Amino acid sequence: MNIRIGSRDSKLAVVQAEQVIAQLGVPCELVTMKTTGDRILDRTLDQVGGKGLFVKELDRALAQGRVDLTVHSLKDVPMEQPEGLPLLAYSAREDARDVLVLPAGARELDPTKPLGCASARRRVQLKRLFPGMQVQPVRGNVLTRLKKLDSGAYSALVLAAAGLRRLGLEERISRYFPAEELIPAAGQAILAVQGRAGEYAELAQKIDDPASRACALAERAYVRALGGGCFAPVAAHATLHGDTLHLRAMYATEDEQTVVYGDDTAPREQAEALGARLAQTLKREAEAT
């Protein structure tokens, strides 16, 4: 019997699900669906309920037994899982950095046009990196955003390196932002496999990467400690050095007037405590500013 793997129907989501299927090494059937987040493209995510809109339909299909496992970009997964639908595995991490993408044929930024990005996290950091430029939202899947860019609507886009690499579009990348300069979203470049409690956990372990798991737990604990909103202007990126986790993060106040950065370390088995501790440290610092 085939294992039914649920995924969004975008090209990137399908490529990612197929990568997971290849690693599982058992007969699988890919079941794709359009989510609410894919359908509502005229408003920013924080106006329509956050990134949970990209997983709601897949969660329902999983709960109802219409699929057996689901594959997500971890950065799109809310910080709290529905009862009985745990995250079973975290893939080895692709390149977690954000990148600058210029219009086809362009060699430099056009200061008369805005930078396009899809998150408050990027917007806050881009205003610091490019103080003279406008930053405007851009929605849609990666290919839709690139069409908008190439049609002349933006001077450049800021996207995740991982998505472009998985789509074979690495040649579109004009500049990589070091993670210390533009901190990625929690979970960026990691794929998550979700399932029903007590089912297929052993199978999902085939793709689980212990280093990714430790980094993901620290990053997600940081965001969760700050309220968990995927569209809040927060960022967190962890790296593992031997058995020591290093977490660098950003926190912005609601009005985005105060932005603070910081980092901390802890043994890998204390990943979630590390994230929670750094969240409290940066929040206190921001409130004292």
C-alpha atoms as a PDB file:
ATOM      1  CA  MET A   1       0.000   0.000   0.000  1.00  0.00           C
ATOM      2  CA  ASN A   2       1.296   3.460  -0.902  1.00  0.00           C
ATOM      3  CA  ILE A   3       2.025   6.010   1.824  1.00  0.00           C
ATOM      4  CA  ARG A   4       0.031   9.145   0.976  1.00  0.00           C
ATOM      5  CA  ILE A   5       2.195  12.284   1.278  1.00  0.00           C
ATOM      6  CA  GLY A   6       0.356  15.608   1.511  1.00  0.00           C
ATOM      7  CA  SER A   7       1.836  18.827   0.125  1.00  0.00           C
ATOM      8  CA  ARG A   8       0.886  22.283  -1.121  1.00  0.00           C
ATOM      9  CA  ASP A   9       0.533  22.328  -4.894  1.00  0.00           C
ATOM     10  CA  SER A  10       3.169  24.978  -5.681  1.00  0.00           C
ATOM     11  CA  LYS A  11       6.144  23.863  -7.752  1.00  0.00           C
ATOM     12  CA  LEU A  12       8.543  24.384  -4.838  1.00  0.00           C
ATOM     13  CA  ALA A  13       6.335  22.455  -2.391  1.00  0.00           C
ATOM     14  CA  VAL A  14       6.071  19.542  -4.844  1.00  0.00           C
ATOM     15  CA  VAL A  15       9.857  19.470  -5.378  1.00  0.00           C
ATOM     16  CA  GLN A  16      10.354  19.440  -1.601  1.00  0.00           C
ATOM     17  CA  ALA A  17       7.814  16.649  -1.076  1.00  0.00           C
ATOM     18  CA  GLU A  18       9.480  14.618  -3.835  1.00  0.00           C
ATOM     19  CA  GLN A  19      12.846  15.015  -2.080  1.00  0.00           C
ATOM     20  CA  VAL A  20      11.334  13.568   1.086  1.00  0.00           C
ATOM     21  CA  ILE A  21       9.643  10.733  -0.826  1.00  0.00           C
ATOM     22  CA  ALA A  22      12.994   9.793  -2.395  1.00  0.00           C
ATOM     23  CA  GLN A  23      14.560   9.551   1.069  1.00  0.00           C
ATOM     24  CA  LEU A  24      11.719   7.512   2.559  1.00  0.00           C
ATOM     25  CA  GLY A  25      12.433   4.736   0.071  1.00  0.00           C
ATOM     26  CA  VAL A  26       8.943   3.186   0.142  1.00  0.00           C
ATOM     27  CA  PRO A  27       6.053   3.362  -2.368  1.00  0.00           C
ATOM     28  CA  CYS A  28       4.360   6.760  -1.940  1.00  0.00           C
ATOM     29  CA  GLU A  29       1.539   8.720  -3.543  1.00  0.00           C
ATOM     30  CA  LEU A  30       1.800  12.513  -3.631  1.00  0.00           C
ATOM     31  CA  VAL A  31      -1.459  14.300  -2.745  1.00  0.00           C
ATOM     32  CA  THR A  32      -1.352  18.046  -3.442  1.00  0.00           C
ATOM     33  CA  MET A  33      -3.783  20.761  -2.410  1.00  0.00           C
ATOM     34  CA  LYS A  34      -4.104  24.534  -2.553  1.00  0.00           C
ATOM     35  CA  THR A  35      -4.113  26.173   0.882  1.00  0.00           C
ATOM     36  CA  THR A  36      -5.855  29.356   2.015  1.00  0.00           C
ATOM     37  CA  GLY A  37      -2.463  31.078   2.086  1.00  0.00           C
ATOM     38  CA  ASP A  38      -1.945  30.201  -1.586  1.00  0.00           C
ATOM     39  CA  ARG A  39      -5.340  31.609  -2.569  1.00  0.00           C
ATOM     40  CA  ILE A  40      -5.281  34.957  -0.723  1.00  0.00           C
ATOM     41  CA  LEU A  41      -2.603  36.995  -2.488  1.00  0.00           C
ATOM     42  CA  ASP A  42      -3.905  40.563  -2.239  1.00  0.00           C
ATOM     43  CA  ARG A  43      -3.040  41.029   1.454  1.00  0.00           C
ATOM     44  CA  THR A  44       0.038  40.453   3.607  1.00  0.00           C
ATOM     45  CA  LEU A  45       0.123  37.394   5.851  1.00  0.00           C
ATOM     46  CA  ASP A  46      -0.334  39.363   9.074  1.00  0.00           C
ATOM     47  CA  GLN A  47      -3.572  40.837   7.648  1.00  0.00           C
ATOM     48  CA  VAL A  48      -5.091  37.413   6.945  1.00  0.00           C
ATOM     49  CA  GLY A  49      -4.008  35.346   9.915  1.00  0.00           C
ATOM     50  CA  GLY A  50      -0.351  34.449   9.515  1.00  0.00           C
ATOM     51  CA  LYS A  51       1.514  31.533   8.016  1.00  0.00           C
ATOM     52  CA  GLY A  52      -0.753  28.939   9.615  1.00  0.00           C
ATOM     53  CA  LEU A  53      -2.849  29.518   6.489  1.00  0.00           C
ATOM     54  CA  PHE A  54      -0.301  27.453   4.554  1.00  0.00           C
ATOM     55  CA  VAL A  55      -0.827  24.328   6.685  1.00  0.00           C
ATOM     56  CA  LYS A  56      -4.473  24.396   7.787  1.00  0.00           C
ATOM     57  CA  GLU A  57      -5.864  22.329   4.901  1.00  0.00           C
ATOM     58  CA  LEU A  58      -2.980  19.861   5.149  1.00  0.00           C
ATOM     59  CA  ASP A  59      -3.566  19.478   8.906  1.00  0.00           C
ATOM     60  CA  ARG A  60      -7.236  18.739   8.226  1.00  0.00           C
ATOM     61  CA  ALA A  61      -6.380  16.117   5.596  1.00  0.00           C
ATOM     62  CA  LEU A  62      -3.951  14.496   8.023  1.00  0.00           C
ATOM     63  CA  ALA A  63      -6.462  14.490  10.899  1.00  0.00           C
ATOM     64  CA  GLN A  64      -9.174  13.016   8.661  1.00  0.00           C
ATOM     65  CA  GLY A  65      -6.903  10.247   7.367  1.00  0.00           C
ATOM     66  CA  ARG A  66      -6.885  11.468   3.757  1.00  0.00           C
ATOM     67  CA  VAL A  67      -3.063  11.609   3.852  1.00  0.00           C
ATOM     68  CA  ASP A  68      -0.578   9.742   6.055  1.00  0.00           C
ATOM     69  CA  LEU A  69       2.252  12.295   6.301  1.00  0.00           C
ATOM     70  CA  THR A  70       2.624  15.934   5.256  1.00  0.00           C
ATOM     71  CA  VAL A  71       5.716  17.850   4.158  1.00  0.00           C
ATOM     72  CA  HIS A  72       6.172  21.534   4.984  1.00  0.00           C
ATOM     73  CA  SER A  73       8.781  24.252   4.842  1.00  0.00           C
ATOM     74  CA  LEU A  74       9.408  24.429   8.583  1.00  0.00           C
ATOM     75  CA  LYS A  75       9.372  28.240   8.576  1.00  0.00           C
ATOM     76  CA  ASP A  76       5.683  28.074   7.483  1.00  0.00           C
ATOM     77  CA  VAL A  77       4.653  25.803  10.372  1.00  0.00           C
ATOM     78  CA  PRO A  78       3.006  27.513  13.392  1.00  0.00           C
ATOM     79  CA  MET A  79       4.882  27.204  16.664  1.00  0.00           C
ATOM     80  CA  GLU A  80       2.172  25.021  18.221  1.00  0.00           C
ATOM     81  CA  GLN A  81       0.943  21.822  16.531  1.00  0.00           C
ATOM     82  CA  PRO A  82      -2.672  20.649  16.633  1.00  0.00           C
ATOM     83  CA  GLU A  83      -3.372  17.923  19.196  1.00  0.00           C
ATOM     84  CA  GLY A  84      -2.292  14.533  17.866  1.00  0.00           C
ATOM     85  CA  LEU A  85      -0.388  15.884  14.826  1.00  0.00           C
ATOM     86  CA  PRO A  86       3.279  16.088  15.908  1.00  0.00           C
ATOM     87  CA  LEU A  87       6.279  17.047  13.799  1.00  0.00           C
ATOM     88  CA  LEU A  88       8.038  13.699  13.308  1.00  0.00           C
ATOM     89  CA  ALA A  89      11.216  14.657  11.448  1.00  0.00           C
ATOM     90  CA  TYR A  90      13.405  17.575  10.396  1.00  0.00           C
ATOM     91  CA  SER A  91      15.427  17.296   7.177  1.00  0.00           C
ATOM     92  CA  ALA A  92      19.087  18.187   6.784  1.00  0.00           C
ATOM     93  CA  ARG A  93      19.210  21.949   6.349  1.00  0.00           C
ATOM     94  CA  GLU A  94      19.741  23.538   2.924  1.00  0.00           C
ATOM     95  CA  ASP A  95      21.426  26.962   2.729  1.00  0.00           C
ATOM     96  CA  ALA A  96      19.541  29.019   5.347  1.00  0.00           C
ATOM     97  CA  ARG A  97      20.592  32.437   4.032  1.00  0.00           C
ATOM     98  CA  ASP A  98      18.385  35.062   2.404  1.00  0.00           C
ATOM     99  CA  VAL A  99      19.467  36.353  -1.000  1.00  0.00           C
ATOM    100  CA  LEU A 100      19.037  39.391  -3.236  1.00  0.00           C
ATOM    101  CA  VAL A 101      17.537  38.733  -6.684  1.00  0.00           C
ATOM    102  CA  LEU A 102      17.746  41.435  -9.348  1.00  0.00           C
ATOM    103  CA  PRO A 103      15.439  41.663 -12.394  1.00  0.00           C
ATOM    104  CA  ALA A 104      16.593  39.574 -15.378  1.00  0.00           C
ATOM    105  CA  GLY A 105      19.457  41.427 -17.081  1.00  0.00           C
ATOM    106  CA  ALA A 106      19.926  44.010 -14.295  1.00  0.00           C
ATOM    107  CA  ARG A 107      23.335  44.474 -12.675  1.00  0.00           C
ATOM    108  CA  GLU A 108      22.493  46.852  -9.833  1.00  0.00           C
ATOM    109  CA  LEU A 109      19.615  48.126  -7.719  1.00  0.00           C
ATOM    110  CA  ASP A 110      17.289  50.745  -9.202  1.00  0.00           C
ATOM    111  CA  PRO A 111      16.771  53.204  -6.298  1.00  0.00           C
ATOM    112  CA  THR A 112      13.510  54.482  -7.846  1.00  0.00           C
ATOM    113  CA  LYS A 113      11.790  51.119  -7.319  1.00  0.00           C
ATOM    114  CA  PRO A 114      11.082  49.290  -4.051  1.00  0.00           C
ATOM    115  CA  LEU A 115      12.690  46.177  -2.656  1.00  0.00           C
ATOM    116  CA  GLY A 116      10.121  43.386  -2.456  1.00  0.00           C
ATOM    117  CA  CYS A 117       9.879  40.974   0.466  1.00  0.00           C
ATOM    118  CA  ALA A 118       7.172  38.885   2.090  1.00  0.00           C
ATOM    119  CA  SER A 119       7.796  39.217   5.824  1.00  0.00           C
ATOM    120  CA  ALA A 120       8.089  41.755   8.610  1.00  0.00           C
ATOM    121  CA  ARG A 121      11.346  40.035   9.605  1.00  0.00           C
ATOM    122  CA  ARG A 122      12.956  40.887   6.268  1.00  0.00           C
ATOM    123  CA  ARG A 123      11.399  44.349   6.078  1.00  0.00           C
ATOM    124  CA  VAL A 124      12.812  45.433   9.451  1.00  0.00           C
ATOM    125  CA  GLN A 125      16.304  44.215   8.606  1.00  0.00           C
ATOM    126  CA  LEU A 126      16.287  45.555   5.029  1.00  0.00           C
ATOM    127  CA  LYS A 127      15.450  49.056   6.236  1.00  0.00           C
ATOM    128  CA  ARG A 128      18.674  48.916   8.245  1.00  0.00           C
ATOM    129  CA  LEU A 129      20.744  47.456   5.369  1.00  0.00           C
ATOM    130  CA  PHE A 130      19.279  49.741   2.652  1.00  0.00           C
ATOM    131  CA  PRO A 131      18.279  52.920   4.535  1.00  0.00           C
ATOM    132  CA  GLY A 132      17.483  54.955   1.430  1.00  0.00           C
ATOM    133  CA  MET A 133      15.192  52.427  -0.243  1.00  0.00           C
ATOM    134  CA  GLN A 134      11.490  51.672  -0.028  1.00  0.00           C
ATOM    135  CA  VAL A 135      10.528  48.169   1.040  1.00  0.00           C
ATOM    136  CA  GLN A 136       7.166  46.841  -0.148  1.00  0.00           C
ATOM    137  CA  PRO A 137       5.363  43.506   0.289  1.00  0.00           C
ATOM    138  CA  VAL A 138       5.266  40.896  -2.466  1.00  0.00           C
ATOM    139  CA  ARG A 139       3.094  37.776  -2.278  1.00  0.00           C
ATOM    140  CA  GLY A 140       2.725  34.599  -4.315  1.00  0.00           C
ATOM    141  CA  ASN A 141       4.928  31.563  -4.818  1.00  0.00           C
ATOM    142  CA  VAL A 142       8.568  31.967  -5.871  1.00  0.00           C
ATOM    143  CA  LEU A 143       7.865  31.820  -9.614  1.00  0.00           C
ATOM    144  CA  THR A 144       5.010  34.354  -9.312  1.00  0.00           C
ATOM    145  CA  ARG A 145       7.263  36.741  -7.391  1.00  0.00           C
ATOM    146  CA  LEU A 146      10.009  36.432 -10.001  1.00  0.00           C
ATOM    147  CA  LYS A 147       7.503  37.311 -12.748  1.00  0.00           C
ATOM    148  CA  LYS A 148       6.508  40.452 -10.828  1.00  0.00           C
ATOM    149  CA  LEU A 149      10.175  41.348 -10.433  1.00  0.00           C
ATOM    150  CA  ASP A 150      11.016  40.824 -14.110  1.00  0.00           C
ATOM    151  CA  SER A 151       7.953  42.843 -15.186  1.00  0.00           C
ATOM    152  CA  GLY A 152       9.525  45.915 -13.574  1.00  0.00           C
ATOM    153  CA  ALA A 153       7.542  46.228 -10.341  1.00  0.00           C
ATOM    154  CA  TYR A 154      10.566  45.988  -8.004  1.00  0.00           C
ATOM    155  CA  SER A 155      14.243  46.901  -7.978  1.00  0.00           C
ATOM    156  CA  ALA A 156      14.981  43.501  -6.402  1.00  0.00           C
ATOM    157  CA  LEU A 157      13.457  40.753  -4.295  1.00  0.00           C
ATOM    158  CA  VAL A 158      14.749  39.183  -1.117  1.00  0.00           C
ATOM    159  CA  LEU A 159      14.044  35.445  -1.097  1.00  0.00           C
ATOM    160  CA  ALA A 160      15.307  32.320   0.649  1.00  0.00           C
ATOM    161  CA  ALA A 161      18.349  30.747  -0.997  1.00  0.00           C
ATOM    162  CA  ALA A 162      16.977  27.274  -0.254  1.00  0.00           C
ATOM    163  CA  GLY A 163      13.832  27.722  -2.354  1.00  0.00           C
ATOM    164  CA  LEU A 164      15.743  29.012  -5.377  1.00  0.00           C
ATOM    165  CA  ARG A 165      18.312  26.209  -5.113  1.00  0.00           C
ATOM    166  CA  ARG A 166      15.631  23.528  -4.841  1.00  0.00           C
ATOM    167  CA  LEU A 167      13.949  24.953  -7.953  1.00  0.00           C
ATOM    168  CA  GLY A 168      17.220  24.996  -9.886  1.00  0.00           C
ATOM    169  CA  LEU A 169      17.190  28.812 -10.036  1.00  0.00           C
ATOM    170  CA  GLU A 170      20.477  29.426  -8.274  1.00  0.00           C
ATOM    171  CA  GLU A 171      21.698  31.532 -11.227  1.00  0.00           C
ATOM    172  CA  ARG A 172      19.116  34.207 -10.304  1.00  0.00           C
ATOM    173  CA  ILE A 173      20.932  34.947  -7.042  1.00  0.00           C
ATOM    174  CA  SER A 174      22.831  38.265  -7.130  1.00  0.00           C
ATOM    175  CA  ARG A 175      23.997  38.372  -3.528  1.00  0.00           C
ATOM    176  CA  TYR A 176      23.938  36.131  -0.462  1.00  0.00           C
ATOM    177  CA  PHE A 177      23.308  37.877   2.860  1.00  0.00           C
ATOM    178  CA  PRO A 178      25.406  36.326   5.645  1.00  0.00           C
ATOM    179  CA  ALA A 179      23.122  35.008   8.402  1.00  0.00           C
ATOM    180  CA  GLU A 180      24.794  37.480  10.797  1.00  0.00           C
ATOM    181  CA  GLU A 181      23.788  40.391   8.540  1.00  0.00           C
ATOM    182  CA  LEU A 182      20.198  39.381   7.688  1.00  0.00           C
ATOM    183  CA  ILE A 183      19.038  36.781  10.203  1.00  0.00           C
ATOM    184  CA  PRO A 184      16.845  34.076   8.629  1.00  0.00           C
ATOM    185  CA  ALA A 185      13.405  32.982   9.803  1.00  0.00           C
ATOM    186  CA  ALA A 186      13.201  30.256  12.437  1.00  0.00           C
ATOM    187  CA  GLY A 187      13.328  26.931  10.602  1.00  0.00           C
ATOM    188  CA  GLN A 188      14.350  28.427   7.251  1.00  0.00           C
ATOM    189  CA  ALA A 189      15.749  25.821   4.776  1.00  0.00           C
ATOM    190  CA  ILE A 190      14.558  22.853   6.892  1.00  0.00           C
ATOM    191  CA  LEU A 191      11.723  20.573   5.731  1.00  0.00           C
ATOM    192  CA  ALA A 192       9.377  19.204   8.377  1.00  0.00           C
ATOM    193  CA  VAL A 193       7.476  15.925   8.172  1.00  0.00           C
ATOM    194  CA  GLN A 194       4.242  15.904  10.157  1.00  0.00           C
ATOM    195  CA  GLY A 195       2.065  12.910  10.983  1.00  0.00           C
ATOM    196  CA  ARG A 196      -0.517  11.444  13.325  1.00  0.00           C
ATOM    197  CA  ALA A 197       0.659  10.493  16.813  1.00  0.00           C
ATOM    198  CA  GLY A 198       1.754   6.870  16.933  1.00  0.00           C
ATOM    199  CA  GLU A 199       1.812   6.369  13.154  1.00  0.00           C
ATOM    200  CA  TYR A 200       4.765   6.229  10.718  1.00  0.00           C
ATOM    201  CA  ALA A 201       7.198   7.773  13.240  1.00  0.00           C
ATOM    202  CA  GLU A 202       9.818   5.121  12.487  1.00  0.00           C
ATOM    203  CA  LEU A 203       9.483   5.700   8.737  1.00  0.00           C
ATOM    204  CA  ALA A 204       9.798   9.489   9.143  1.00  0.00           C
ATOM    205  CA  GLN A 205      13.011   9.004  11.133  1.00  0.00           C
ATOM    206  CA  LYS A 206      14.725   8.079   7.849  1.00  0.00           C
ATOM    207  CA  ILE A 207      14.920  11.771   6.968  1.00  0.00           C
ATOM    208  CA  ASP A 208      15.492  13.180  10.462  1.00  0.00           C
ATOM    209  CA  ASP A 209      18.750  15.089  10.861  1.00  0.00           C
ATOM    210  CA  PRO A 210      19.852  15.496  14.512  1.00  0.00           C
ATOM    211  CA  ALA A 211      21.696  18.781  13.877  1.00  0.00           C
ATOM    212  CA  SER A 212      18.676  20.283  12.090  1.00  0.00           C
ATOM    213  CA  ARG A 213      16.410  19.096  14.903  1.00  0.00           C
ATOM    214  CA  ALA A 214      18.543  20.795  17.574  1.00  0.00           C
ATOM    215  CA  CYS A 215      18.726  24.058  15.606  1.00  0.00           C
ATOM    216  CA  ALA A 216      14.998  23.983  14.830  1.00  0.00           C
ATOM    217  CA  LEU A 217      14.049  23.404  18.467  1.00  0.00           C
ATOM    218  CA  ALA A 218      16.153  26.375  19.627  1.00  0.00           C
ATOM    219  CA  GLU A 219      14.884  28.726  16.903  1.00  0.00           C
ATOM    220  CA  ARG A 220      11.229  27.775  17.353  1.00  0.00           C
ATOM    221  CA  ALA A 221      11.463  28.022  21.148  1.00  0.00           C
ATOM    222  CA  TYR A 222      12.764  31.579  20.703  1.00  0.00           C
ATOM    223  CA  VAL A 223       9.773  32.591  18.563  1.00  0.00           C
ATOM    224  CA  ARG A 224       7.315  30.711  20.794  1.00  0.00           C
ATOM    225  CA  ALA A 225       8.582  32.556  23.885  1.00  0.00           C
ATOM    226  CA  LEU A 226       7.807  35.865  22.130  1.00  0.00           C
ATOM    227  CA  GLY A 227       4.213  34.909  21.350  1.00  0.00           C
ATOM    228  CA  GLY A 228       4.672  32.583  18.402  1.00  0.00           C
ATOM    229  CA  GLY A 229       3.346  34.781  15.566  1.00  0.00           C
ATOM    230  CA  CYS A 230       5.035  33.734  12.326  1.00  0.00           C
ATOM    231  CA  PHE A 231       4.587  37.240  10.897  1.00  0.00           C
ATOM    232  CA  ALA A 232       6.006  39.080  13.933  1.00  0.00           C
ATOM    233  CA  PRO A 233       9.291  40.908  13.241  1.00  0.00           C
ATOM    234  CA  VAL A 234      11.525  38.302  14.898  1.00  0.00           C
ATOM    235  CA  ALA A 235      14.340  36.195  13.477  1.00  0.00           C
ATOM    236  CA  ALA A 236      16.438  33.335  14.839  1.00  0.00           C
ATOM    237  CA  HIS A 237      19.247  31.245  13.405  1.00  0.00           C
ATOM    238  CA  ALA A 238      21.098  28.480  15.225  1.00  0.00           C
ATOM    239  CA  THR A 239      24.289  26.650  14.308  1.00  0.00           C
ATOM    240  CA  LEU A 240      25.736  23.551  15.932  1.00  0.00           C
ATOM    241  CA  HIS A 241      29.453  23.370  16.746  1.00  0.00           C
ATOM    242  CA  GLY A 242      30.266  19.947  18.152  1.00  0.00           C
ATOM    243  CA  ASP A 243      27.722  19.607  20.957  1.00  0.00           C
ATOM    244  CA  THR A 244      27.303  23.360  21.484  1.00  0.00           C
ATOM    245  CA  LEU A 245      24.445  25.339  19.961  1.00  0.00           C
ATOM    246  CA  HIS A 246      24.946  28.983  19.049  1.00  0.00           C
ATOM    247  CA  LEU A 247      21.758  31.009  18.571  1.00  0.00           C
ATOM    248  CA  ARG A 248      21.662  34.499  17.045  1.00  0.00           C
ATOM    249  CA  ALA A 249      18.362  36.371  17.013  1.00  0.00           C
ATOM    250  CA  MET A 250      16.554  39.641  16.373  1.00  0.00           C
ATOM    251  CA  TYR A 251      13.598  41.149  18.208  1.00  0.00           C
ATOM    252  CA  ALA A 252      11.594  44.213  17.170  1.00  0.00           C
ATOM    253  CA  THR A 253       8.945  46.026  19.175  1.00  0.00           C
ATOM    254  CA  GLU A 254       5.439  46.079  17.714  1.00  0.00           C
ATOM    255  CA  ASP A 255       5.895  49.594  16.305  1.00  0.00           C
ATOM    256  CA  GLU A 256       9.257  48.481  14.793  1.00  0.00           C
ATOM    257  CA  GLN A 257      10.964  51.530  16.287  1.00  0.00           C
ATOM    258  CA  THR A 258      13.272  49.458  18.476  1.00  0.00           C
ATOM    259  CA  VAL A 259      15.211  46.550  16.995  1.00  0.00           C
ATOM    260  CA  VAL A 260      17.679  44.554  19.075  1.00  0.00           C
ATOM    261  CA  TYR A 261      20.073  41.727  18.237  1.00  0.00           C
ATOM    262  CA  GLY A 262      21.806  39.214  20.454  1.00  0.00           C
ATOM    263  CA  ASP A 263      23.225  35.736  20.738  1.00  0.00           C
ATOM    264  CA  ASP A 264      23.766  32.979  23.287  1.00  0.00           C
ATOM    265  CA  THR A 265      25.087  29.424  23.505  1.00  0.00           C
ATOM    266  CA  ALA A 266      24.117  26.217  25.295  1.00  0.00           C
ATOM    267  CA  PRO A 267      24.661  22.446  25.088  1.00  0.00           C
ATOM    268  CA  ARG A 268      22.558  20.931  22.269  1.00  0.00           C
ATOM    269  CA  GLU A 269      20.309  19.055  24.717  1.00  0.00           C
ATOM    270  CA  GLN A 270      19.237  22.435  26.113  1.00  0.00           C
ATOM    271  CA  ALA A 271      18.069  23.759  22.728  1.00  0.00           C
ATOM    272  CA  GLU A 272      14.599  24.863  23.799  1.00  0.00           C
ATOM    273  CA  ALA A 273      15.844  26.434  27.040  1.00  0.00           C
ATOM    274  CA  LEU A 274      18.419  28.384  24.987  1.00  0.00           C
ATOM    275  CA  GLY A 275      15.729  29.797  22.688  1.00  0.00           C
ATOM    276  CA  ALA A 276      13.461  30.790  25.568  1.00  0.00           C
ATOM    277  CA  ARG A 277      16.329  32.411  27.483  1.00  0.00           C
ATOM    278  CA  LEU A 278      17.537  34.526  24.555  1.00  0.00           C
ATOM    279  CA  ALA A 279      13.954  35.638  23.854  1.00  0.00           C
ATOM    280  CA  GLN A 280      13.595  36.984  27.398  1.00  0.00           C
ATOM    281  CA  THR A 281      17.019  38.663  27.245  1.00  0.00           C
ATOM    282  CA  LEU A 282      16.248  40.531  24.018  1.00  0.00           C
ATOM    283  CA  LYS A 283      12.729  41.453  25.086  1.00  0.00           C
ATOM    284  CA  ARG A 284      14.045  42.976  28.317  1.00  0.00           C
ATOM    285  CA  GLU A 285      16.731  44.860  26.358  1.00  0.00           C
ATOM    286  CA  ALA A 286      14.172  46.258  23.926  1.00  0.00           C
ATOM    287  CA  GLU A 287      11.846  47.361  26.724  1.00  0.00           C
ATOM    288  CA  ALA A 288      14.720  49.107  28.493  1.00  0.00           C
ATOM    289  CA  THR A 289      15.706  51.059  25.372  1.00  0.00           C
END
